Amino acid sequence: MEPHDGRLPIVQAGDPVLRQPALPVPVDEIASAPIQDLIDAMIRTVSGSGVGLAAPQVGVGLRVVVIEDPSEYHEQMPPELLEAQGRFPIDRYVLVNPELTIIDDTPVEWFEGCLSVDGYRAVVPRAFGVHLRALDRDGKPFEVDATGWHARILQHEIDHLDGRLYVDRMLSRTLVDSDSYRDRWGGAPIDQVKHIFGDD
């Protein structure tokens, strides 16, 4: 049942829906009330909680994602870290049936977390640049080229649609709990983290 504030419960690692490829949404159903209601509920759920949410994370095996990285998320972060990550504000947008192509496979490593792996973070290598093709919530096609942190978000969320979690790609020895990340490792250079944990 949906909580009173309209947010949906986040499915956690161990639920089979997170390990099954999500199904495409039939184009003629995108405008339907069930799909539009799902999108609205996903927006309410991710707002203030994360930078992206895929439908499997709320228990629905469909290829729908909400992305956002508002400026208020950046206010408590050091400007030099934002610059190094290639991170900038992203207005909210919806992806239906997205297709992702790597256009710059230069590996970039940063800590990632996930609403469906609550309480942990780890260093995850991702490609620097991607090209996205998708439909918006009105069923209209669009394309996006993304680099840096935006590309990381897209790769993370589309992994969810393919039944993958970041733990499948992480440098396993860098796994830390969220408190340790916040208090000790969040601002550390990734090469130093890898060296200390013996994952270099």
C-alpha atoms as a PDB file:
ATOM      1  CA  MET A   1       0.000   0.000   0.000  1.00  0.00           C
ATOM      2  CA  GLU A   2       1.202   3.498  -0.841  1.00  0.00           C
ATOM      3  CA  PRO A   3       2.243   5.616   2.165  1.00  0.00           C
ATOM      4  CA  HIS A   4       0.073   8.640   2.958  1.00  0.00           C
ATOM      5  CA  ASP A   5       2.575  11.058   1.391  1.00  0.00           C
ATOM      6  CA  GLY A   6       2.347   9.286  -1.953  1.00  0.00           C
ATOM      7  CA  ARG A   7       5.846   7.830  -1.791  1.00  0.00           C
ATOM      8  CA  LEU A   8       6.328   4.200  -2.722  1.00  0.00           C
ATOM      9  CA  PRO A   9       8.306   1.704  -0.637  1.00  0.00           C
ATOM     10  CA  ILE A  10      11.808   1.087  -1.990  1.00  0.00           C
ATOM     11  CA  VAL A  11      12.520  -2.556  -2.756  1.00  0.00           C
ATOM     12  CA  GLN A  12      15.789  -3.746  -1.209  1.00  0.00           C
ATOM     13  CA  ALA A  13      18.489  -6.099  -2.509  1.00  0.00           C
ATOM     14  CA  GLY A  14      17.248  -9.651  -2.182  1.00  0.00           C
ATOM     15  CA  ASP A  15      13.910  -9.003  -3.873  1.00  0.00           C
ATOM     16  CA  PRO A  16      13.786 -10.942  -7.183  1.00  0.00           C
ATOM     17  CA  VAL A  17      12.331  -7.971  -9.087  1.00  0.00           C
ATOM     18  CA  LEU A  18      15.752  -6.281  -8.869  1.00  0.00           C
ATOM     19  CA  ARG A  19      17.381  -9.220 -10.665  1.00  0.00           C
ATOM     20  CA  GLN A  20      14.952  -9.599 -13.561  1.00  0.00           C
ATOM     21  CA  PRO A  21      15.131  -7.611 -16.810  1.00  0.00           C
ATOM     22  CA  ALA A  22      12.304  -5.075 -16.869  1.00  0.00           C
ATOM     23  CA  LEU A  23       9.734  -5.189 -19.671  1.00  0.00           C
ATOM     24  CA  PRO A  24       9.254  -2.390 -22.209  1.00  0.00           C
ATOM     25  CA  VAL A  25       6.160  -0.258 -21.806  1.00  0.00           C
ATOM     26  CA  PRO A  26       3.896  -0.589 -24.873  1.00  0.00           C
ATOM     27  CA  VAL A  27       3.886   2.814 -26.538  1.00  0.00           C
ATOM     28  CA  ASP A  28       0.093   2.950 -26.617  1.00  0.00           C
ATOM     29  CA  GLU A  29       0.014   2.458 -22.831  1.00  0.00           C
ATOM     30  CA  ILE A  30       2.402   5.274 -21.856  1.00  0.00           C
ATOM     31  CA  ALA A  31      -0.458   7.796 -21.589  1.00  0.00           C
ATOM     32  CA  SER A  32      -2.616   5.403 -19.579  1.00  0.00           C
ATOM     33  CA  ALA A  33      -3.567   6.196 -16.004  1.00  0.00           C
ATOM     34  CA  PRO A  34      -1.589   3.281 -14.488  1.00  0.00           C
ATOM     35  CA  ILE A  35       1.689   4.334 -16.174  1.00  0.00           C
ATOM     36  CA  GLN A  36       1.179   8.048 -15.496  1.00  0.00           C
ATOM     37  CA  ASP A  37       0.283   7.300 -11.863  1.00  0.00           C
ATOM     38  CA  LEU A  38       3.424   5.172 -11.562  1.00  0.00           C
ATOM     39  CA  ILE A  39       5.569   8.007 -12.937  1.00  0.00           C
ATOM     40  CA  ASP A  40       4.014  10.539 -10.549  1.00  0.00           C
ATOM     41  CA  ALA A  41       4.561   8.208  -7.586  1.00  0.00           C
ATOM     42  CA  MET A  42       8.176   7.598  -8.620  1.00  0.00           C
ATOM     43  CA  ILE A  43       8.757  11.360  -8.798  1.00  0.00           C
ATOM     44  CA  ARG A  44       7.369  11.803  -5.287  1.00  0.00           C
ATOM     45  CA  THR A  45       9.487   8.891  -4.066  1.00  0.00           C
ATOM     46  CA  VAL A  46      12.841  10.020  -5.479  1.00  0.00           C
ATOM     47  CA  SER A  47      12.400  13.721  -4.696  1.00  0.00           C
ATOM     48  CA  GLY A  48      14.735  14.625  -1.852  1.00  0.00           C
ATOM     49  CA  SER A  49      16.049  11.065  -1.616  1.00  0.00           C
ATOM     50  CA  GLY A  50      18.223  10.333  -4.627  1.00  0.00           C
ATOM     51  CA  VAL A  51      19.273  11.313  -8.126  1.00  0.00           C
ATOM     52  CA  GLY A  52      17.448   8.557  -9.943  1.00  0.00           C
ATOM     53  CA  LEU A  53      14.856   5.856  -9.513  1.00  0.00           C
ATOM     54  CA  ALA A  54      13.991   2.904 -11.735  1.00  0.00           C
ATOM     55  CA  ALA A  55      10.591   1.224 -11.650  1.00  0.00           C
ATOM     56  CA  PRO A  56      12.003  -2.130 -10.421  1.00  0.00           C
ATOM     57  CA  GLN A  57      13.139  -0.297  -7.276  1.00  0.00           C
ATOM     58  CA  VAL A  58       9.482   0.225  -6.386  1.00  0.00           C
ATOM     59  CA  GLY A  59       8.596  -3.335  -7.305  1.00  0.00           C
ATOM     60  CA  VAL A  60       7.404  -2.722 -10.865  1.00  0.00           C
ATOM     61  CA  GLY A  61       9.204  -4.587 -13.646  1.00  0.00           C
ATOM     62  CA  LEU A  62       8.829  -1.945 -16.360  1.00  0.00           C
ATOM     63  CA  ARG A  63      11.427   0.120 -18.212  1.00  0.00           C
ATOM     64  CA  VAL A  64      10.673   3.471 -16.587  1.00  0.00           C
ATOM     65  CA  VAL A  65      13.208   5.764 -14.882  1.00  0.00           C
ATOM     66  CA  VAL A  66      13.100   9.197 -13.230  1.00  0.00           C
ATOM     67  CA  ILE A  67      16.317  11.257 -13.181  1.00  0.00           C
ATOM     68  CA  GLU A  68      17.058  14.463 -11.263  1.00  0.00           C
ATOM     69  CA  ASP A  69      20.044  16.063  -9.583  1.00  0.00           C
ATOM     70  CA  PRO A  70      18.824  19.419  -8.222  1.00  0.00           C
ATOM     71  CA  SER A  71      21.195  22.164  -7.149  1.00  0.00           C
ATOM     72  CA  GLU A  72      20.221  21.824  -3.490  1.00  0.00           C
ATOM     73  CA  TYR A  73      21.907  18.407  -3.469  1.00  0.00           C
ATOM     74  CA  HIS A  74      25.179  20.146  -4.347  1.00  0.00           C
ATOM     75  CA  GLU A  75      25.140  22.834  -1.670  1.00  0.00           C
ATOM     76  CA  GLN A  76      26.861  20.708   0.980  1.00  0.00           C
ATOM     77  CA  MET A  77      29.501  19.348  -1.389  1.00  0.00           C
ATOM     78  CA  PRO A  78      32.969  20.850  -1.920  1.00  0.00           C
ATOM     79  CA  PRO A  79      33.081  22.694  -5.267  1.00  0.00           C
ATOM     80  CA  GLU A  80      36.321  20.915  -6.185  1.00  0.00           C
ATOM     81  CA  LEU A  81      34.607  17.526  -5.766  1.00  0.00           C
ATOM     82  CA  LEU A  82      31.668  18.602  -7.956  1.00  0.00           C
ATOM     83  CA  GLU A  83      34.121  19.769 -10.594  1.00  0.00           C
ATOM     84  CA  ALA A  84      36.177  16.585 -10.441  1.00  0.00           C
ATOM     85  CA  GLN A  85      33.047  14.459 -10.791  1.00  0.00           C
ATOM     86  CA  GLY A  86      31.750  16.522 -13.688  1.00  0.00           C
ATOM     87  CA  ARG A  87      28.580  17.037 -11.660  1.00  0.00           C
ATOM     88  CA  PHE A  88      26.081  19.802 -12.352  1.00  0.00           C
ATOM     89  CA  PRO A  89      22.353  20.280 -11.661  1.00  0.00           C
ATOM     90  CA  ILE A  90      20.005  18.173 -13.779  1.00  0.00           C
ATOM     91  CA  ASP A  91      16.351  19.099 -14.121  1.00  0.00           C
ATOM     92  CA  ARG A  92      13.985  16.199 -13.566  1.00  0.00           C
ATOM     93  CA  TYR A  93      13.107  14.103 -16.599  1.00  0.00           C
ATOM     94  CA  VAL A  94      11.440  10.768 -17.286  1.00  0.00           C
ATOM     95  CA  LEU A  95      12.799   7.931 -19.413  1.00  0.00           C
ATOM     96  CA  VAL A  96      10.533   5.274 -20.869  1.00  0.00           C
ATOM     97  CA  ASN A  97      12.102   2.316 -22.692  1.00  0.00           C
ATOM     98  CA  PRO A  98      15.598   3.873 -22.663  1.00  0.00           C
ATOM     99  CA  GLU A  99      18.482   2.578 -24.766  1.00  0.00           C
ATOM    100  CA  LEU A 100      22.027   3.445 -23.730  1.00  0.00           C
ATOM    101  CA  THR A 101      25.151   3.461 -25.885  1.00  0.00           C
ATOM    102  CA  ILE A 102      28.663   4.026 -24.548  1.00  0.00           C
ATOM    103  CA  ILE A 103      30.356   6.792 -26.547  1.00  0.00           C
ATOM    104  CA  ASP A 104      33.443   7.264 -24.369  1.00  0.00           C
ATOM    105  CA  ASP A 105      34.501   4.145 -22.497  1.00  0.00           C
ATOM    106  CA  THR A 106      37.209   5.891 -20.489  1.00  0.00           C
ATOM    107  CA  PRO A 107      36.744   4.363 -17.012  1.00  0.00           C
ATOM    108  CA  VAL A 108      35.943   6.777 -14.190  1.00  0.00           C
ATOM    109  CA  GLU A 109      35.779   5.670 -10.554  1.00  0.00           C
ATOM    110  CA  TRP A 110      33.698   7.261  -7.797  1.00  0.00           C
ATOM    111  CA  PHE A 111      31.727   6.094  -4.811  1.00  0.00           C
ATOM    112  CA  GLU A 112      28.108   5.190  -5.532  1.00  0.00           C
ATOM    113  CA  GLY A 113      25.163   4.436  -3.307  1.00  0.00           C
ATOM    114  CA  CYS A 114      21.730   3.058  -4.095  1.00  0.00           C
ATOM    115  CA  LEU A 115      18.292   3.406  -2.532  1.00  0.00           C
ATOM    116  CA  SER A 116      17.898  -0.365  -2.976  1.00  0.00           C
ATOM    117  CA  VAL A 117      21.175  -1.179  -1.204  1.00  0.00           C
ATOM    118  CA  ASP A 118      20.432   1.047   1.744  1.00  0.00           C
ATOM    119  CA  GLY A 119      23.254   1.943   4.088  1.00  0.00           C
ATOM    120  CA  TYR A 120      26.271   1.192   1.896  1.00  0.00           C
ATOM    121  CA  ARG A 121      28.550   2.752  -0.716  1.00  0.00           C
ATOM    122  CA  ALA A 122      31.390   1.489  -2.872  1.00  0.00           C
ATOM    123  CA  VAL A 123      33.696   2.658  -5.632  1.00  0.00           C
ATOM    124  CA  VAL A 124      32.225   1.776  -9.027  1.00  0.00           C
ATOM    125  CA  PRO A 125      33.957   2.143 -12.406  1.00  0.00           C
ATOM    126  CA  ARG A 126      31.700   3.648 -15.092  1.00  0.00           C
ATOM    127  CA  ALA A 127      32.169   4.881 -18.642  1.00  0.00           C
ATOM    128  CA  PHE A 128      32.751   8.617 -18.970  1.00  0.00           C
ATOM    129  CA  GLY A 129      30.308   9.306 -21.809  1.00  0.00           C
ATOM    130  CA  VAL A 130      27.016   7.830 -23.004  1.00  0.00           C
ATOM    131  CA  HIS A 131      24.298   8.453 -25.576  1.00  0.00           C
ATOM    132  CA  LEU A 132      20.694   7.942 -24.489  1.00  0.00           C
ATOM    133  CA  ARG A 133      17.616   7.364 -26.599  1.00  0.00           C
ATOM    134  CA  ALA A 134      14.250   7.143 -24.844  1.00  0.00           C
ATOM    135  CA  LEU A 135      10.628   8.211 -24.818  1.00  0.00           C
ATOM    136  CA  ASP A 136       9.397  10.877 -22.425  1.00  0.00           C
ATOM    137  CA  ARG A 137       6.277  10.530 -20.288  1.00  0.00           C
ATOM    138  CA  ASP A 138       4.189  11.717 -23.250  1.00  0.00           C
ATOM    139  CA  GLY A 139       5.627   9.027 -25.496  1.00  0.00           C
ATOM    140  CA  LYS A 140       7.756  11.466 -27.494  1.00  0.00           C
ATOM    141  CA  PRO A 141      11.264  10.322 -28.474  1.00  0.00           C
ATOM    142  CA  PHE A 142      14.312  12.248 -27.326  1.00  0.00           C
ATOM    143  CA  GLU A 143      18.077  11.808 -27.200  1.00  0.00           C
ATOM    144  CA  VAL A 144      20.723  12.958 -24.716  1.00  0.00           C
ATOM    145  CA  ASP A 145      24.513  12.899 -24.702  1.00  0.00           C
ATOM    146  CA  ALA A 146      25.822  12.784 -21.145  1.00  0.00           C
ATOM    147  CA  THR A 147      29.249  12.789 -19.535  1.00  0.00           C
ATOM    148  CA  GLY A 148      30.606  12.718 -16.001  1.00  0.00           C
ATOM    149  CA  TRP A 149      28.120  12.324 -13.180  1.00  0.00           C
ATOM    150  CA  HIS A 150      25.083  12.538 -15.468  1.00  0.00           C
ATOM    151  CA  ALA A 151      26.430   9.594 -17.461  1.00  0.00           C
ATOM    152  CA  ARG A 152      27.018   7.695 -14.205  1.00  0.00           C
ATOM    153  CA  ILE A 153      23.418   8.227 -13.085  1.00  0.00           C
ATOM    154  CA  LEU A 154      22.096   6.972 -16.410  1.00  0.00           C
ATOM    155  CA  GLN A 155      24.310   3.875 -16.342  1.00  0.00           C
ATOM    156  CA  HIS A 156      23.298   3.115 -12.753  1.00  0.00           C
ATOM    157  CA  GLU A 157      19.562   3.425 -13.414  1.00  0.00           C
ATOM    158  CA  ILE A 158      19.546   1.545 -16.695  1.00  0.00           C
ATOM    159  CA  ASP A 159      21.498  -1.236 -14.978  1.00  0.00           C
ATOM    160  CA  HIS A 160      18.439  -1.542 -12.722  1.00  0.00           C
ATOM    161  CA  LEU A 161      16.280  -2.110 -15.805  1.00  0.00           C
ATOM    162  CA  ASP A 162      18.620  -4.924 -16.850  1.00  0.00           C
ATOM    163  CA  GLY A 163      18.559  -6.677 -13.470  1.00  0.00           C
ATOM    164  CA  ARG A 164      21.913  -5.361 -12.248  1.00  0.00           C
ATOM    165  CA  LEU A 165      22.948  -3.573  -9.057  1.00  0.00           C
ATOM    166  CA  TYR A 166      26.060  -1.470  -8.530  1.00  0.00           C
ATOM    167  CA  VAL A 167      27.427  -4.230  -6.293  1.00  0.00           C
ATOM    168  CA  ASP A 168      27.887  -6.294  -9.479  1.00  0.00           C
ATOM    169  CA  ARG A 169      30.342  -3.680 -10.794  1.00  0.00           C
ATOM    170  CA  MET A 170      31.899  -2.299  -7.612  1.00  0.00           C
ATOM    171  CA  LEU A 171      35.475  -2.673  -6.452  1.00  0.00           C
ATOM    172  CA  SER A 172      34.418  -5.073  -3.736  1.00  0.00           C
ATOM    173  CA  ARG A 173      37.023  -4.164  -1.130  1.00  0.00           C
ATOM    174  CA  THR A 174      35.904  -0.517  -1.149  1.00  0.00           C
ATOM    175  CA  LEU A 175      32.434  -1.319   0.226  1.00  0.00           C
ATOM    176  CA  VAL A 176      31.764   0.868   3.281  1.00  0.00           C
ATOM    177  CA  ASP A 177      28.694   1.706   5.287  1.00  0.00           C
ATOM    178  CA  SER A 178      27.131   5.126   4.781  1.00  0.00           C
ATOM    179  CA  ASP A 179      28.288   6.500   8.133  1.00  0.00           C
ATOM    180  CA  SER A 180      31.886   5.533   7.394  1.00  0.00           C
ATOM    181  CA  TYR A 181      31.590   7.080   3.940  1.00  0.00           C
ATOM    182  CA  ARG A 182      30.245  10.330   5.370  1.00  0.00           C
ATOM    183  CA  ASP A 183      32.724  10.560   8.243  1.00  0.00           C
ATOM    184  CA  ARG A 184      35.876   9.246   6.647  1.00  0.00           C
ATOM    185  CA  TRP A 185      35.923   8.276   2.975  1.00  0.00           C
ATOM    186  CA  GLY A 186      33.569  10.593   1.103  1.00  0.00           C
ATOM    187  CA  GLY A 187      36.176  13.276   0.479  1.00  0.00           C
ATOM    188  CA  ALA A 188      39.195  11.011   0.087  1.00  0.00           C
ATOM    189  CA  PRO A 189      40.895  10.628  -3.301  1.00  0.00           C
ATOM    190  CA  ILE A 190      39.728   7.392  -4.937  1.00  0.00           C
ATOM    191  CA  ASP A 191      43.302   6.208  -5.556  1.00  0.00           C
ATOM    192  CA  GLN A 192      43.986   6.560  -1.832  1.00  0.00           C
ATOM    193  CA  VAL A 193      40.796   4.649  -0.956  1.00  0.00           C
ATOM    194  CA  LYS A 194      41.743   1.838  -3.345  1.00  0.00           C
ATOM    195  CA  HIS A 195      45.274   1.687  -1.960  1.00  0.00           C
ATOM    196  CA  ILE A 196      44.146   1.569   1.668  1.00  0.00           C
ATOM    197  CA  PHE A 197      41.602  -1.155   0.984  1.00  0.00           C
ATOM    198  CA  GLY A 198      43.959  -3.112  -1.269  1.00  0.00           C
ATOM    199  CA  ASP A 199      41.819  -2.796  -4.397  1.00  0.00           C
ATOM    200  CA  ASP A 200      44.323  -1.098  -6.699  1.00  0.00           C
END
